[in-house]
Amino acid sequence: MCLNVYQNITINHLRVEAVTNASVLQIGSAGFIRSLAQLYNTGGFTGPAPQILGPSPNIISLVRLPNPS
């Protein structure tokens, strides 16, 4: 038995609230996910980043995805 599955996913906007060291974002299906974590402190930082200061720190940033090909 031969079974072919074709998948087409269209996403107009994708909003990601946060990304952490153990985050996985998956769109669609996969047989398996191989995780890889490589953490580097290339800036030589020793503490947390400063808080955002300004009139509106709750700015929402949307990332437009390209059209599917």
N, C-alpha and C. Protein backbone atom coordinates (compact mmCIF):
# COMPACT_ATOMS: atom_id res chain seq x y z
N MET A 1 0.83 -1.17 0.00
CA MET A 1 0.00 0.00 0.00
C MET A 1 0.89 1.24 0.00
N CYS A 2 0.66 2.13 -0.93
CA CYS A 2 1.42 3.38 -1.03
C CYS A 2 0.52 4.53 -0.60
N LEU A 3 0.98 5.30 0.37
CA LEU A 3 0.18 6.40 0.91
C LEU A 3 0.98 7.69 0.79
N ASN A 4 0.47 8.64 0.04
CA ASN A 4 1.12 9.95 -0.10
C ASN A 4 0.28 11.00 0.63
N VAL A 5 0.94 11.79 1.46
CA VAL A 5 0.27 12.85 2.21
C VAL A 5 0.92 14.17 1.81
N TYR A 6 0.12 15.11 1.33
CA TYR A 6 0.61 16.43 0.97
C TYR A 6 0.04 17.44 1.96
N GLN A 7 0.89 18.31 2.41
CA GLN A 7 0.51 19.24 3.46
C GLN A 7 0.81 20.66 3.01
N ASN A 8 -0.14 21.56 3.24
CA ASN A 8 0.04 22.95 2.91
C ASN A 8 -0.44 23.78 4.09
N ILE A 9 0.45 24.58 4.67
CA ILE A 9 0.12 25.40 5.82
C ILE A 9 0.36 26.85 5.44
N THR A 10 -0.64 27.70 5.65
CA THR A 10 -0.51 29.13 5.39
C THR A 10 -0.70 29.88 6.69
N ILE A 11 0.28 30.70 7.03
CA ILE A 11 0.23 31.48 8.27
C ILE A 11 0.38 32.94 7.89
N ASN A 12 -0.62 33.76 8.21
CA ASN A 12 -0.53 35.18 7.90
C ASN A 12 0.29 35.94 8.95
N HIS A 13 0.04 35.67 10.20
CA HIS A 13 0.78 36.32 11.29
C HIS A 13 1.10 35.27 12.34
N LEU A 14 2.29 35.33 12.89
CA LEU A 14 2.70 34.44 13.96
C LEU A 14 3.24 35.30 15.09
N ARG A 15 2.62 35.20 16.24
CA ARG A 15 3.03 36.00 17.39
C ARG A 15 3.67 35.09 18.43
N VAL A 16 4.91 35.36 18.75
CA VAL A 16 5.65 34.59 19.75
C VAL A 16 5.85 35.49 20.95
N GLU A 17 5.30 35.10 22.08
CA GLU A 17 5.39 35.92 23.29
C GLU A 17 6.79 35.89 23.89
N ALA A 18 7.41 34.72 23.93
CA ALA A 18 8.72 34.60 24.57
C ALA A 18 9.47 33.41 23.99
N VAL A 19 10.78 33.51 24.05
CA VAL A 19 11.64 32.41 23.63
C VAL A 19 12.61 32.15 24.78
N THR A 20 12.67 30.91 25.23
CA THR A 20 13.57 30.56 26.31
C THR A 20 14.56 29.52 25.83
N ASN A 21 15.43 29.09 26.72
CA ASN A 21 16.46 28.12 26.34
C ASN A 21 15.88 26.78 25.93
N ALA A 22 14.70 26.44 26.40
CA ALA A 22 14.13 25.13 26.11
C ALA A 22 12.90 25.24 25.21
N SER A 23 12.82 26.27 24.38
CA SER A 23 11.64 26.48 23.54
C SER A 23 11.72 25.65 22.26
N VAL A 24 10.56 25.16 21.85
CA VAL A 24 10.43 24.46 20.57
C VAL A 24 9.21 25.04 19.87
N LEU A 25 9.39 25.55 18.67
CA LEU A 25 8.29 26.05 17.86
C LEU A 25 8.17 25.14 16.66
N GLN A 26 7.03 24.47 16.54
CA GLN A 26 6.83 23.52 15.45
C GLN A 26 5.55 23.89 14.71
N ILE A 27 5.68 23.99 13.40
CA ILE A 27 4.53 24.21 12.53
C ILE A 27 4.45 23.02 11.60
N GLY A 28 3.33 22.31 11.64
CA GLY A 28 3.19 21.11 10.82
C GLY A 28 3.56 19.87 11.62
N SER A 29 3.91 18.82 10.91
CA SER A 29 4.22 17.57 11.58
C SER A 29 5.61 17.11 11.19
N ALA A 30 6.20 16.35 12.05
CA ALA A 30 7.53 15.81 11.79
C ALA A 30 7.62 14.43 12.43
N GLY A 31 8.45 13.59 11.86
CA GLY A 31 8.64 12.27 12.43
C GLY A 31 9.34 12.34 13.77
N PHE A 32 10.31 13.23 13.89
CA PHE A 32 11.01 13.41 15.15
C PHE A 32 11.65 14.79 15.16
N ILE A 33 12.00 15.25 16.35
CA ILE A 33 12.67 16.54 16.52
C ILE A 33 13.99 16.27 17.22
N ARG A 34 15.07 16.69 16.60
CA ARG A 34 16.38 16.60 17.24
C ARG A 34 16.69 17.95 17.85
N SER A 35 16.83 18.00 19.14
CA SER A 35 17.11 19.27 19.80
C SER A 35 18.61 19.48 19.92
N LEU A 36 19.01 20.74 19.86
CA LEU A 36 20.40 21.12 19.99
C LEU A 36 20.45 22.45 20.71
N ALA A 37 21.21 22.52 21.75
CA ALA A 37 21.35 23.77 22.50
C ALA A 37 22.81 24.16 22.53
N GLN A 38 23.11 25.33 22.02
CA GLN A 38 24.46 25.87 22.06
C GLN A 38 24.36 27.27 22.63
N LEU A 39 24.83 27.46 23.85
CA LEU A 39 24.75 28.74 24.53
C LEU A 39 26.14 29.36 24.58
N TYR A 40 26.23 30.60 24.14
CA TYR A 40 27.50 31.31 24.14
C TYR A 40 27.29 32.69 24.75
N ASN A 41 28.23 33.12 25.56
CA ASN A 41 28.21 34.47 26.11
C ASN A 41 29.24 35.29 25.35
N THR A 42 28.92 35.63 24.10
CA THR A 42 29.87 36.33 23.25
C THR A 42 30.07 37.78 23.65
N GLY A 43 29.13 38.35 24.40
CA GLY A 43 29.28 39.74 24.82
C GLY A 43 29.96 39.91 26.15
N GLY A 44 30.25 38.81 26.83
CA GLY A 44 30.89 38.89 28.14
C GLY A 44 29.96 39.47 29.20
N PHE A 45 28.66 39.25 29.07
CA PHE A 45 27.70 39.80 30.02
C PHE A 45 27.78 39.05 31.35
N THR A 46 27.60 39.78 32.43
CA THR A 46 27.68 39.19 33.77
C THR A 46 26.38 39.27 34.54
N GLY A 47 25.35 39.93 33.98
CA GLY A 47 24.08 40.08 34.67
C GLY A 47 22.94 40.19 33.69
N PRO A 48 21.71 40.35 34.20
CA PRO A 48 20.55 40.46 33.31
C PRO A 48 20.55 41.79 32.55
N ALA A 49 19.82 41.82 31.45
CA ALA A 49 19.69 43.04 30.65
C ALA A 49 18.87 44.08 31.41
N PRO A 50 19.12 45.36 31.19
CA PRO A 50 18.34 46.39 31.89
C PRO A 50 16.90 46.41 31.39
N GLN A 51 16.00 46.91 32.24
CA GLN A 51 14.59 47.01 31.89
C GLN A 51 14.39 48.07 30.81
N ILE A 52 13.36 47.88 29.97
CA ILE A 52 13.04 48.85 28.93
C ILE A 52 12.38 50.07 29.58
N LEU A 53 12.92 51.23 29.30
CA LEU A 53 12.36 52.46 29.85
C LEU A 53 11.81 53.29 28.70
N GLY A 54 10.73 53.97 28.92
CA GLY A 54 10.14 54.81 27.89
C GLY A 54 8.66 54.96 28.10
N PRO A 55 7.99 55.66 27.18
CA PRO A 55 6.56 55.94 27.36
C PRO A 55 5.68 54.70 27.25
N SER A 56 6.03 53.72 26.42
CA SER A 56 5.17 52.54 26.26
C SER A 56 6.03 51.28 26.16
N PRO A 57 6.38 50.66 27.30
CA PRO A 57 7.22 49.46 27.26
C PRO A 57 6.48 48.21 26.80
N ASN A 58 5.14 48.27 26.66
CA ASN A 58 4.36 47.09 26.26
C ASN A 58 4.09 47.09 24.76
N ILE A 59 5.07 47.41 23.96
CA ILE A 59 4.92 47.45 22.51
C ILE A 59 4.88 46.02 21.97
N ILE A 60 3.91 45.73 21.13
CA ILE A 60 3.80 44.41 20.52
C ILE A 60 4.45 44.46 19.15
N SER A 61 5.37 43.55 18.90
CA SER A 61 6.06 43.51 17.62
C SER A 61 5.57 42.28 16.84
N LEU A 62 5.05 42.51 15.64
CA LEU A 62 4.60 41.42 14.79
C LEU A 62 5.61 41.20 13.68
N VAL A 63 5.87 39.94 13.37
CA VAL A 63 6.80 39.58 12.31
C VAL A 63 6.00 39.04 11.16
N ARG A 64 6.07 39.68 9.99
CA ARG A 64 5.35 39.21 8.81
C ARG A 64 6.13 38.09 8.15
N LEU A 65 5.46 36.99 7.91
CA LEU A 65 6.08 35.84 7.27
C LEU A 65 5.98 35.97 5.76
N PRO A 66 6.97 35.42 5.04
CA PRO A 66 6.88 35.47 3.57
C PRO A 66 5.77 34.57 3.05
N ASN A 67 5.28 34.86 1.86
CA ASN A 67 4.26 34.02 1.24
C ASN A 67 4.84 32.65 0.92
N PRO A 68 4.05 31.59 1.06
CA PRO A 68 4.57 30.26 0.77
C PRO A 68 4.90 30.12 -0.71
N SER A 69 5.91 29.35 -1.00
CA SER A 69 6.31 29.17 -2.40
C SER A 69 5.86 27.82 -2.92
